[in-house]
Amino acid sequence: MTQALNKAAASEQTLLPENKSDALKALIRLSEKIIGLSEQETQALIQNDLAVFALLQREKSVMAVNYAKASEEFRGRYEEFRAADPGLLDRLDNLQKDMGEKLRSNNEIVTRMFKRSKKKTSETLLTVQELAQQKPIKMNNEDNRTGA
């Protein structure tokens, strides 16, 4: 019974199936989901839809945790996967490259948006300061003050 409990606990802790082909297919599906999210993220950024972008971040962070765990499992079983179907390995490798490109591209868009936003904020603050210096604002009770 202890062995059954240990096996059940171990299977709860792993994301990848024991069968190497099934494990590769699971990694491929996970990679495709992340790529799909990245494409949705790109569209949200292009359309400047920050509400959708924010919602996607929650889903992406959950998926990133799962991806990191699955990748760690993959690295732990690396020797086993070397003997796996070369077609699946190639597909996974291509997806990894595609995912990296999409994530880098999105990060560049976010960086550009941040810089633009920072510049606009600085310009706005400077304009407000200039206007405040040119036309001071008097509060109602400033005219009614008596000596302190």
Foldseek 3Di string as FASTA:
>chain_A
DVVVVVVVVVVVQADADPDLVRRLVSLLVLLVVLLVLLVVLVVCLVVVVVVVNVVSVVVNVVSVVNNVRSVVVCVVCVVVNVPPDVVSVVSSVVSVVSSVVSVVVSVVSVVVVVVVVVVVVVVVVVVVVVVCVVDPDDDPCVVVDDDD
